[in-house]
Amino acid sequence: VFVLVRGEGTADELVCVTNVTGEEITLPLSGTDVVTGEHADPLVV
């Protein structure tokens, strides 16, 4: 996965995650995906 943190330390901080494989990947991240509106804990991509 490629992971960028944008706006770190601000109220609008986002952790942007992209899976470059055909596999399902679970990551120790939690929060609301602003692309889909769904909550994840942990994040499954």
All heavy atoms as atom14 arrays in JSON, in Angstrom:
{
  "sequence": "VFVLVRGEGTADELVCVTNVTGEEITLPLSGTDVVTGEHADPLVV",
  "atom14_mask": [
    [1, 1, 1, 1, 1, 1, 1, 0, 0, 0, 0, 0, 0, 0],
    [1, 1, 1, 1, 1, 1, 1, 1, 1, 1, 1, 0, 0, 0],
    [1, 1, 1, 1, 1, 1, 1, 0, 0, 0, 0, 0, 0, 0],
    [1, 1, 1, 1, 1, 1, 1, 1, 0, 0, 0, 0, 0, 0],
    [1, 1, 1, 1, 1, 1, 1, 0, 0, 0, 0, 0, 0, 0],
    [1, 1, 1, 1, 1, 1, 1, 1, 1, 1, 1, 0, 0, 0],
    [1, 1, 1, 1, 0, 0, 0, 0, 0, 0, 0, 0, 0, 0],
    [1, 1, 1, 1, 1, 1, 1, 1, 1, 0, 0, 0, 0, 0],
    [1, 1, 1, 1, 0, 0, 0, 0, 0, 0, 0, 0, 0, 0],
    [1, 1, 1, 1, 1, 1, 1, 0, 0, 0, 0, 0, 0, 0],
    [1, 1, 1, 1, 1, 0, 0, 0, 0, 0, 0, 0, 0, 0],
    [1, 1, 1, 1, 1, 1, 1, 1, 0, 0, 0, 0, 0, 0],
    [1, 1, 1, 1, 1, 1, 1, 1, 1, 0, 0, 0, 0, 0],
    [1, 1, 1, 1, 1, 1, 1, 1, 0, 0, 0, 0, 0, 0],
    [1, 1, 1, 1, 1, 1, 1, 0, 0, 0, 0, 0, 0, 0],
    [1, 1, 1, 1, 1, 1, 0, 0, 0, 0, 0, 0, 0, 0],
    [1, 1, 1, 1, 1, 1, 1, 0, 0, 0, 0, 0, 0, 0],
    [1, 1, 1, 1, 1, 1, 1, 0, 0, 0, 0, 0, 0, 0],
    [1, 1, 1, 1, 1, 1, 1, 1, 0, 0, 0, 0, 0, 0],
    [1, 1, 1, 1, 1, 1, 1, 0, 0, 0, 0, 0, 0, 0],
    [1, 1, 1, 1, 1, 1, 1, 0, 0, 0, 0, 0, 0, 0],
    [1, 1, 1, 1, 0, 0, 0, 0, 0, 0, 0, 0, 0, 0],
    [1, 1, 1, 1, 1, 1, 1, 1, 1, 0, 0, 0, 0, 0],
    [1, 1, 1, 1, 1, 1, 1, 1, 1, 0, 0, 0, 0, 0],
    [1, 1, 1, 1, 1, 1, 1, 1, 0, 0, 0, 0, 0, 0],
    [1, 1, 1, 1, 1, 1, 1, 0, 0, 0, 0, 0, 0, 0],
    [1, 1, 1, 1, 1, 1, 1, 1, 0, 0, 0, 0, 0, 0],
    [1, 1, 1, 1, 1, 1, 1, 0, 0, 0, 0, 0, 0, 0],
    [1, 1, 1, 1, 1, 1, 1, 1, 0, 0, 0, 0, 0, 0],
    [1, 1, 1, 1, 1, 1, 0, 0, 0, 0, 0, 0, 0, 0],
    [1, 1, 1, 1, 0, 0, 0, 0, 0, 0, 0, 0, 0, 0],
    [1, 1, 1, 1, 1, 1, 1, 0, 0, 0, 0, 0, 0, 0],
    [1, 1, 1, 1, 1, 1, 1, 1, 0, 0, 0, 0, 0, 0],
    [1, 1, 1, 1, 1, 1, 1, 0, 0, 0, 0, 0, 0, 0],
    [1, 1, 1, 1, 1, 1, 1, 0, 0, 0, 0, 0, 0, 0],
    [1, 1, 1, 1, 1, 1, 1, 0, 0, 0, 0, 0, 0, 0],
    [1, 1, 1, 1, 0, 0, 0, 0, 0, 0, 0, 0, 0, 0],
    [1, 1, 1, 1, 1, 1, 1, 1, 1, 0, 0, 0, 0, 0],
    [1, 1, 1, 1, 1, 1, 1, 1, 1, 1, 0, 0, 0, 0],
    [1, 1, 1, 1, 1, 0, 0, 0, 0, 0, 0, 0, 0, 0],
    [1, 1, 1, 1, 1, 1, 1, 1, 0, 0, 0, 0, 0, 0],
    [1, 1, 1, 1, 1, 1, 1, 0, 0, 0, 0, 0, 0, 0],
    [1, 1, 1, 1, 1, 1, 1, 1, 0, 0, 0, 0, 0, 0],
    [1, 1, 1, 1, 1, 1, 1, 0, 0, 0, 0, 0, 0, 0],
    [1, 1, 1, 1, 1, 1, 1, 0, 0, 0, 0, 0, 0, 0]
  ],
  "atom14_positions": [
    [[0.84, -1.19, 0.0], [0.0, 0.0, 0.0], [0.88, 1.24, 0.0], [2.01, 1.23, 0.5], [-0.96, 0.05, 1.21], [-1.96, -1.1, 1.16], [-0.18, 0.04, 2.52], [0.0, 0.0, 0.0], [0.0, 0.0, 0.0], [0.0, 0.0, 0.0], [0.0, 0.0, 0.0], [0.0, 0.0, 0.0], [0.0, 0.0, 0.0], [0.0, 0.0, 0.0]],
    [[0.34, 2.31, -0.57], [0.99, 3.61, -0.51], [0.14, 4.48, 0.41], [-1.07, 4.6, 0.22], [1.08, 4.23, -1.91], [1.76, 5.57, -1.93], [3.1, 5.7, -1.59], [1.07, 6.72, -2.29], [3.73, 6.93, -1.6], [1.68, 7.97, -2.31], [3.03, 8.06, -1.97], [0.0, 0.0, 0.0], [0.0, 0.0, 0.0], [0.0, 0.0, 0.0]],
    [[0.78, 5.09, 1.4], [0.04, 5.83, 2.43], [0.64, 7.23, 2.59], [1.83, 7.38, 2.85], [0.08, 5.1, 3.79], [-0.8, 5.83, 4.8], [-0.34, 3.65, 3.65], [0.0, 0.0, 0.0], [0.0, 0.0, 0.0], [0.0, 0.0, 0.0], [0.0, 0.0, 0.0], [0.0, 0.0, 0.0], [0.0, 0.0, 0.0], [0.0, 0.0, 0.0]],
    [[-0.21, 8.23, 2.42], [0.16, 9.62, 2.63], [-0.68, 10.22, 3.75], [-1.89, 9.98, 3.81], [-0.09, 10.45, 1.36], [0.83, 10.28, 0.17], [0.32, 11.12, -0.99], [2.26, 10.66, 0.52], [0.0, 0.0, 0.0], [0.0, 0.0, 0.0], [0.0, 0.0, 0.0], [0.0, 0.0, 0.0], [0.0, 0.0, 0.0], [0.0, 0.0, 0.0]],
    [[-0.06, 11.02, 4.61], [-0.79, 11.81, 5.59], [-0.8, 13.24, 5.09], [0.26, 13.85, 4.89], [-0.14, 11.73, 6.98], [-0.97, 12.53, 7.98], [0.01, 10.29, 7.43], [0.0, 0.0, 0.0], [0.0, 0.0, 0.0], [0.0, 0.0, 0.0], [0.0, 0.0, 0.0], [0.0, 0.0, 0.0], [0.0, 0.0, 0.0], [0.0, 0.0, 0.0]],
    [[-2.0, 13.79, 4.87], [-2.14, 15.17, 4.41], [-2.83, 15.99, 5.51], [-3.71, 15.51, 6.2], [-2.97, 15.24, 3.13], [-2.35, 14.54, 1.91], [-1.0, 15.15, 1.49], [-1.05, 16.6, 1.44], [-1.49, 17.31, 0.39], [-1.91, 16.68, -0.71], [-1.49, 18.63, 0.42], [0.0, 0.0, 0.0], [0.0, 0.0, 0.0], [0.0, 0.0, 0.0]],
    [[-2.39, 17.24, 5.63], [-2.97, 18.13, 6.63], [-2.72, 17.66, 8.05], [-3.57, 17.85, 8.93], [0.0, 0.0, 0.0], [0.0, 0.0, 0.0], [0.0, 0.0, 0.0], [0.0, 0.0, 0.0], [0.0, 0.0, 0.0], [0.0, 0.0, 0.0], [0.0, 0.0, 0.0], [0.0, 0.0, 0.0], [0.0, 0.0, 0.0], [0.0, 0.0, 0.0]],
    [[-1.57, 17.07, 8.29], [-1.3, 16.47, 9.6], [-1.38, 17.52, 10.72], [-0.86, 18.62, 10.59], [0.08, 15.84, 9.6], [0.37, 15.01, 10.83], [1.62, 14.15, 10.67], [2.41, 14.41, 9.75], [1.78, 13.2, 11.47], [0.0, 0.0, 0.0], [0.0, 0.0, 0.0], [0.0, 0.0, 0.0], [0.0, 0.0, 0.0], [0.0, 0.0, 0.0]],
    [[-2.08, 17.14, 11.79], [-2.21, 18.02, 12.94], [-3.32, 19.04, 12.84], [-3.53, 19.83, 13.75], [0.0, 0.0, 0.0], [0.0, 0.0, 0.0], [0.0, 0.0, 0.0], [0.0, 0.0, 0.0], [0.0, 0.0, 0.0], [0.0, 0.0, 0.0], [0.0, 0.0, 0.0], [0.0, 0.0, 0.0], [0.0, 0.0, 0.0], [0.0, 0.0, 0.0]],
    [[-4.05, 19.02, 11.71], [-5.18, 19.94, 11.54], [-6.49, 19.19, 11.75], [-6.52, 17.96, 11.81], [-5.19, 20.56, 10.13], [-5.55, 19.56, 9.17], [-3.82, 21.14, 9.78], [0.0, 0.0, 0.0], [0.0, 0.0, 0.0], [0.0, 0.0, 0.0], [0.0, 0.0, 0.0], [0.0, 0.0, 0.0], [0.0, 0.0, 0.0], [0.0, 0.0, 0.0]],
    [[-7.59, 19.93, 11.83], [-8.9, 19.31, 12.02], [-9.32, 18.5, 10.81], [-10.19, 17.63, 10.92], [-9.94, 20.39, 12.3], [0.0, 0.0, 0.0], [0.0, 0.0, 0.0], [0.0, 0.0, 0.0], [0.0, 0.0, 0.0], [0.0, 0.0, 0.0], [0.0, 0.0, 0.0], [0.0, 0.0, 0.0], [0.0, 0.0, 0.0], [0.0, 0.0, 0.0]],
    [[-8.69, 18.75, 9.66], [-9.07, 18.05, 8.43], [-8.01, 17.03, 8.01], [-7.93, 16.64, 6.84], [-9.3, 19.05, 7.3], [-10.13, 18.47, 6.17], [-11.03, 17.66, 6.45], [-9.86, 18.82, 5.0], [0.0, 0.0, 0.0], [0.0, 0.0, 0.0], [0.0, 0.0, 0.0], [0.0, 0.0, 0.0], [0.0, 0.0, 0.0], [0.0, 0.0, 0.0]],
    [[-7.18, 16.57, 8.96], [-6.14, 15.59, 8.63], [-6.75, 14.36, 7.96], [-7.77, 13.83, 8.39], [-5.41, 15.17, 9.91], [-4.35, 14.09, 9.66], [-3.61, 13.69, 10.94], [-3.41, 14.59, 11.81], [-3.27, 12.51, 11.07], [0.0, 0.0, 0.0], [0.0, 0.0, 0.0], [0.0, 0.0, 0.0], [0.0, 0.0, 0.0], [0.0, 0.0, 0.0]],
    [[-6.07, 13.88, 6.9], [-6.51, 12.68, 6.19], [-5.34, 11.74, 6.01], [-4.21, 12.18, 5.73], [-7.09, 13.04, 4.82], [-8.4, 13.85, 4.81], [-8.75, 14.25, 3.39], [-9.53, 13.05, 5.44], [0.0, 0.0, 0.0], [0.0, 0.0, 0.0], [0.0, 0.0, 0.0], [0.0, 0.0, 0.0], [0.0, 0.0, 0.0], [0.0, 0.0, 0.0]],
    [[-5.61, 10.45, 6.15], [-4.64, 9.41, 5.86], [-5.11, 8.73, 4.57], [-6.17, 8.08, 4.56], [-4.52, 8.39, 7.01], [-3.48, 7.33, 6.66], [-4.17, 9.1, 8.31], [0.0, 0.0, 0.0], [0.0, 0.0, 0.0], [0.0, 0.0, 0.0], [0.0, 0.0, 0.0], [0.0, 0.0, 0.0], [0.0, 0.0, 0.0], [0.0, 0.0, 0.0]],
    [[-4.35, 8.9, 3.51], [-4.76, 8.44, 2.18], [-4.03, 7.14, 1.84], [-2.8, 7.11, 1.77], [-4.46, 9.51, 1.14], [-5.2, 11.11, 1.53], [0.0, 0.0, 0.0], [0.0, 0.0, 0.0], [0.0, 0.0, 0.0], [0.0, 0.0, 0.0], [0.0, 0.0, 0.0], [0.0, 0.0, 0.0], [0.0, 0.0, 0.0], [0.0, 0.0, 0.0]],
    [[-4.8, 6.08, 1.65], [-4.27, 4.73, 1.49], [-4.67, 4.18, 0.13], [-5.84, 4.24, -0.25], [-4.81, 3.79, 2.59], [-4.24, 2.39, 2.43], [-4.51, 4.36, 3.98], [0.0, 0.0, 0.0], [0.0, 0.0, 0.0], [0.0, 0.0, 0.0], [0.0, 0.0, 0.0], [0.0, 0.0, 0.0], [0.0, 0.0, 0.0], [0.0, 0.0, 0.0]],
    [[-3.69, 3.61, -0.59], [-3.98, 2.97, -1.89], [-3.32, 1.61, -1.93], [-2.1, 1.47, -1.69], [-3.46, 3.81, -3.06], [-4.08, 5.1, -3.02], [-3.8, 3.15, -4.39], [0.0, 0.0, 0.0], [0.0, 0.0, 0.0], [0.0, 0.0, 0.0], [0.0, 0.0, 0.0], [0.0, 0.0, 0.0], [0.0, 0.0, 0.0], [0.0, 0.0, 0.0]],
    [[-4.11, 0.59, -2.25], [-3.63, -0.78, -2.4], [-3.27, -1.01, -3.87], [-4.11, -0.87, -4.76], [-4.75, -1.74, -1.97], [-4.36, -3.2, -2.07], [-3.26, -3.54, -2.47], [-5.3, -4.08, -1.72], [0.0, 0.0, 0.0], [0.0, 0.0, 0.0], [0.0, 0.0, 0.0], [0.0, 0.0, 0.0], [0.0, 0.0, 0.0], [0.0, 0.0, 0.0]],
    [[-2.0, -1.37, -4.15], [-1.55, -1.55, -5.53], [-1.57, -3.03, -5.93], [-1.02, -3.39, -6.97], [-0.14, -0.95, -5.74], [-0.15, 0.54, -5.45], [0.91, -1.68, -4.89], [0.0, 0.0, 0.0], [0.0, 0.0, 0.0], [0.0, 0.0, 0.0], [0.0, 0.0, 0.0], [0.0, 0.0, 0.0], [0.0, 0.0, 0.0], [0.0, 0.0, 0.0]],
    [[-2.21, -3.88, -5.14], [-2.25, -5.32, -5.43], [-3.71, -5.78, -5.54], [-4.64, -5.07, -5.21], [-1.57, -6.13, -4.31], [-2.45, -6.22, -3.17], [-0.26, -5.51, -3.89], [0.0, 0.0, 0.0], [0.0, 0.0, 0.0], [0.0, 0.0, 0.0], [0.0, 0.0, 0.0], [0.0, 0.0, 0.0], [0.0, 0.0, 0.0], [0.0, 0.0, 0.0]],
    [[-3.85, -7.02, -5.98], [-5.17, -7.64, -6.07], [-5.57, -8.36, -4.8], [-6.57, -9.09, -4.78], [0.0, 0.0, 0.0], [0.0, 0.0, 0.0], [0.0, 0.0, 0.0], [0.0, 0.0, 0.0], [0.0, 0.0, 0.0], [0.0, 0.0, 0.0], [0.0, 0.0, 0.0], [0.0, 0.0, 0.0], [0.0, 0.0, 0.0], [0.0, 0.0, 0.0]],
    [[-4.83, -8.15, -3.7], [-5.11, -8.8, -2.44], [-5.89, -7.87, -1.5], [-5.79, -6.66, -1.6], [-3.8, -9.19, -1.74], [-2.86, -10.03, -2.6], [-1.48, -10.17, -1.96], [-1.33, -9.74, -0.79], [-0.58, -10.68, -2.63], [0.0, 0.0, 0.0], [0.0, 0.0, 0.0], [0.0, 0.0, 0.0], [0.0, 0.0, 0.0], [0.0, 0.0, 0.0]],
    [[-6.64, -8.45, -0.59], [-7.28, -7.68, 0.47], [-6.28, -7.48, 1.59], [-5.6, -8.42, 2.01], [-8.52, -8.41, 0.99], [-9.28, -7.64, 2.06], [-10.53, -8.38, 2.5], [-11.58, -8.2, 1.85], [-10.43, -9.15, 3.49], [0.0, 0.0, 0.0], [0.0, 0.0, 0.0], [0.0, 0.0, 0.0], [0.0, 0.0, 0.0], [0.0, 0.0, 0.0]],
    [[-6.17, -6.25, 2.08], [-5.15, -5.92, 3.07], [-5.82, -5.23, 4.27], [-6.63, -4.33, 4.1], [-4.07, -5.0, 2.47], [-3.38, -5.7, 1.28], [-3.04, -4.6, 3.52], [-2.45, -4.79, 0.51], [0.0, 0.0, 0.0], [0.0, 0.0, 0.0], [0.0, 0.0, 0.0], [0.0, 0.0, 0.0], [0.0, 0.0, 0.0], [0.0, 0.0, 0.0]],
    [[-5.46, -5.68, 5.48], [-5.96, -5.08, 6.71], [-4.86, -4.26, 7.35], [-3.72, -4.73, 7.5], [-6.45, -6.16, 7.68], [-7.49, -6.92, 7.06], [-6.99, -5.52, 8.95], [0.0, 0.0, 0.0], [0.0, 0.0, 0.0], [0.0, 0.0, 0.0], [0.0, 0.0, 0.0], [0.0, 0.0, 0.0], [0.0, 0.0, 0.0], [0.0, 0.0, 0.0]],
    [[-5.18, -3.02, 7.72], [-4.2, -2.1, 8.29], [-4.69, -1.6, 9.65], [-5.9, -1.42, 9.85], [-3.97, -0.91, 7.36], [-3.42, -1.24, 5.96], [-3.48, -0.01, 5.07], [-1.99, -1.76, 6.06], [0.0, 0.0, 0.0], [0.0, 0.0, 0.0], [0.0, 0.0, 0.0], [0.0, 0.0, 0.0], [0.0, 0.0, 0.0], [0.0, 0.0, 0.0]],
    [[-3.77, -1.33, 10.58], [-4.15, -0.87, 11.93], [-4.52, 0.62, 11.94], [-3.9, 1.43, 12.63], [-2.89, -1.16, 12.75], [-1.77, -1.0, 11.76], [-2.31, -1.53, 10.46], [0.0, 0.0, 0.0], [0.0, 0.0, 0.0], [0.0, 0.0, 0.0], [0.0, 0.0, 0.0], [0.0, 0.0, 0.0], [0.0, 0.0, 0.0], [0.0, 0.0, 0.0]],
    [[-5.52, 0.97, 11.16], [-5.99, 2.35, 11.08], [-7.49, 2.37, 11.34], [-8.2, 1.42, 11.0], [-5.71, 2.93, 9.7], [-4.25, 3.04, 9.24], [-4.18, 3.43, 7.78], [-3.49, 4.05, 10.11], [0.0, 0.0, 0.0], [0.0, 0.0, 0.0], [0.0, 0.0, 0.0], [0.0, 0.0, 0.0], [0.0, 0.0, 0.0], [0.0, 0.0, 0.0]],
    [[-7.97, 3.44, 11.9], [-9.41, 3.56, 12.12], [-9.84, 4.99, 11.82], [-9.07, 5.95, 11.98], [-9.78, 3.2, 13.57], [-9.19, 4.11, 14.49], [0.0, 0.0, 0.0], [0.0, 0.0, 0.0], [0.0, 0.0, 0.0], [0.0, 0.0, 0.0], [0.0, 0.0, 0.0], [0.0, 0.0, 0.0], [0.0, 0.0, 0.0], [0.0, 0.0, 0.0]],
    [[-11.06, 5.13, 11.35], [-11.6, 6.44, 11.03], [-12.68, 6.34, 9.99], [-13.15, 5.23, 9.64], [0.0, 0.0, 0.0], [0.0, 0.0, 0.0], [0.0, 0.0, 0.0], [0.0, 0.0, 0.0], [0.0, 0.0, 0.0], [0.0, 0.0, 0.0], [0.0, 0.0, 0.0], [0.0, 0.0, 0.0], [0.0, 0.0, 0.0], [0.0, 0.0, 0.0]],
    [[-13.08, 7.47, 9.46], [-14.14, 7.53, 8.46], [-13.53, 7.82, 7.09], [-12.78, 8.79, 6.93], [-15.16, 8.63, 8.8], [-15.73, 8.34, 10.08], [-16.26, 8.71, 7.76], [0.0, 0.0, 0.0], [0.0, 0.0, 0.0], [0.0, 0.0, 0.0], [0.0, 0.0, 0.0], [0.0, 0.0, 0.0], [0.0, 0.0, 0.0], [0.0, 0.0, 0.0]],
    [[-13.86, 6.95, 6.13], [-13.4, 7.13, 4.76], [-14.26, 8.21, 4.12], [-15.46, 8.01, 3.88], [-13.51, 5.81, 4.01], [-13.05, 5.91, 2.56], [-12.57, 6.99, 2.16], [-13.17, 4.91, 1.83], [0.0, 0.0, 0.0], [0.0, 0.0, 0.0], [0.0, 0.0, 0.0], [0.0, 0.0, 0.0], [0.0, 0.0, 0.0], [0.0, 0.0, 0.0]],
    [[-13.66, 9.37, 3.8], [-14.46, 10.46, 3.25], [-14.86, 10.2, 1.81], [-15.73, 10.9, 1.26], [-13.7, 11.81, 3.36], [-13.42, 12.16, 4.81], [-12.42, 11.81, 2.53], [0.0, 0.0, 0.0], [0.0, 0.0, 0.0], [0.0, 0.0, 0.0], [0.0, 0.0, 0.0], [0.0, 0.0, 0.0], [0.0, 0.0, 0.0], [0.0, 0.0, 0.0]],
    [[-14.25, 9.19, 1.16], [-14.64, 8.84, -0.21], [-15.98, 8.11, -0.21], [-16.84, 8.35, -1.06], [-13.55, 7.98, -0.89], [-14.0, 7.56, -2.29], [-12.23, 8.74, -0.97], [0.0, 0.0, 0.0], [0.0, 0.0, 0.0], [0.0, 0.0, 0.0], [0.0, 0.0, 0.0], [0.0, 0.0, 0.0], [0.0, 0.0, 0.0], [0.0, 0.0, 0.0]],
    [[-16.17, 7.21, 0.76], [-17.4, 6.41, 0.8], [-18.34, 6.81, 1.93], [-19.53, 6.45, 1.91], [-17.04, 4.92, 0.99], [-16.41, 4.76, 2.28], [-16.11, 4.44, -0.11], [0.0, 0.0, 0.0], [0.0, 0.0, 0.0], [0.0, 0.0, 0.0], [0.0, 0.0, 0.0], [0.0, 0.0, 0.0], [0.0, 0.0, 0.0], [0.0, 0.0, 0.0]],
    [[-17.82, 7.51, 2.94], [-18.62, 7.85, 4.11], [-18.69, 6.74, 5.14], [-19.36, 6.88, 6.17], [0.0, 0.0, 0.0], [0.0, 0.0, 0.0], [0.0, 0.0, 0.0], [0.0, 0.0, 0.0], [0.0, 0.0, 0.0], [0.0, 0.0, 0.0], [0.0, 0.0, 0.0], [0.0, 0.0, 0.0], [0.0, 0.0, 0.0], [0.0, 0.0, 0.0]],
    [[-18.0, 5.63, 4.91], [-18.06, 4.48, 5.81], [-16.97, 4.55, 6.88], [-15.87, 5.05, 6.63], [-17.92, 3.18, 5.01], [-19.04, 2.97, 4.0], [-18.83, 1.71, 3.16], [-17.78, 1.05, 3.35], [-19.69, 1.41, 2.32], [0.0, 0.0, 0.0], [0.0, 0.0, 0.0], [0.0, 0.0, 0.0], [0.0, 0.0, 0.0], [0.0, 0.0, 0.0]],
    [[-17.3, 4.03, 8.07], [-16.33, 3.98, 9.16], [-15.58, 2.66, 9.12], [-16.14, 1.61, 8.78], [-17.02, 4.14, 10.52], [-16.06, 4.26, 11.66], [-15.63, 3.17, 12.39], [-15.42, 5.34, 12.17], [-14.78, 3.58, 13.31], [-14.64, 4.9, 13.2], [0.0, 0.0, 0.0], [0.0, 0.0, 0.0], [0.0, 0.0, 0.0], [0.0, 0.0, 0.0]],
    [[-14.29, 2.71, 9.46], [-13.46, 1.51, 9.44], [-12.66, 1.4, 10.73], [-12.09, 2.39, 11.2], [-12.5, 1.56, 8.25], [0.0, 0.0, 0.0], [0.0, 0.0, 0.0], [0.0, 0.0, 0.0], [0.0, 0.0, 0.0], [0.0, 0.0, 0.0], [0.0, 0.0, 0.0], [0.0, 0.0, 0.0], [0.0, 0.0, 0.0], [0.0, 0.0, 0.0]],
    [[-12.62, 0.18, 11.3], [-11.81, -0.07, 12.49], [-11.66, -1.59, 12.66], [-12.54, -2.23, 13.24], [-12.44, 0.55, 13.73], [-11.53, 0.4, 14.96], [-10.34, 0.08, 14.77], [-12.02, 0.63, 16.09], [0.0, 0.0, 0.0], [0.0, 0.0, 0.0], [0.0, 0.0, 0.0], [0.0, 0.0, 0.0], [0.0, 0.0, 0.0], [0.0, 0.0, 0.0]],
    [[-10.6, -2.18, 12.14], [-9.49, -1.59, 11.39], [-9.87, -1.33, 9.93], [-10.96, -1.71, 9.49], [-8.41, -2.67, 11.49], [-9.21, -3.95, 11.48], [-10.44, -3.65, 12.29], [0.0, 0.0, 0.0], [0.0, 0.0, 0.0], [0.0, 0.0, 0.0], [0.0, 0.0, 0.0], [0.0, 0.0, 0.0], [0.0, 0.0, 0.0], [0.0, 0.0, 0.0]],
    [[-8.96, -0.72, 9.2], [-9.21, -0.44, 7.8], [-8.9, -1.68, 6.97], [-7.8, -2.22, 7.03], [-8.34, 0.73, 7.32], [-8.45, 1.07, 5.83], [-9.85, 1.58, 5.5], [-7.39, 2.11, 5.43], [0.0, 0.0, 0.0], [0.0, 0.0, 0.0], [0.0, 0.0, 0.0], [0.0, 0.0, 0.0], [0.0, 0.0, 0.0], [0.0, 0.0, 0.0]],
    [[-9.87, -2.11, 6.18], [-9.68, -3.22, 5.25], [-9.78, -2.65, 3.84], [-10.79, -2.07, 3.46], [-10.75, -4.32, 5.45], [-10.54, -5.45, 4.44], [-10.69, -4.86, 6.89], [0.0, 0.0, 0.0], [0.0, 0.0, 0.0], [0.0, 0.0, 0.0], [0.0, 0.0, 0.0], [0.0, 0.0, 0.0], [0.0, 0.0, 0.0], [0.0, 0.0, 0.0]],
    [[-8.7, -2.8, 3.09], [-8.64, -2.25, 1.73], [-8.66, -3.41, 0.75], [-7.76, -4.27, 0.76], [-7.38, -1.4, 1.51], [-7.47, -0.64, 0.18], [-7.19, -0.42, 2.66], [0.0, 0.0, 0.0], [0.0, 0.0, 0.0], [0.0, 0.0, 0.0], [0.0, 0.0, 0.0], [0.0, 0.0, 0.0], [0.0, 0.0, 0.0], [0.0, 0.0, 0.0]]
  ]
}
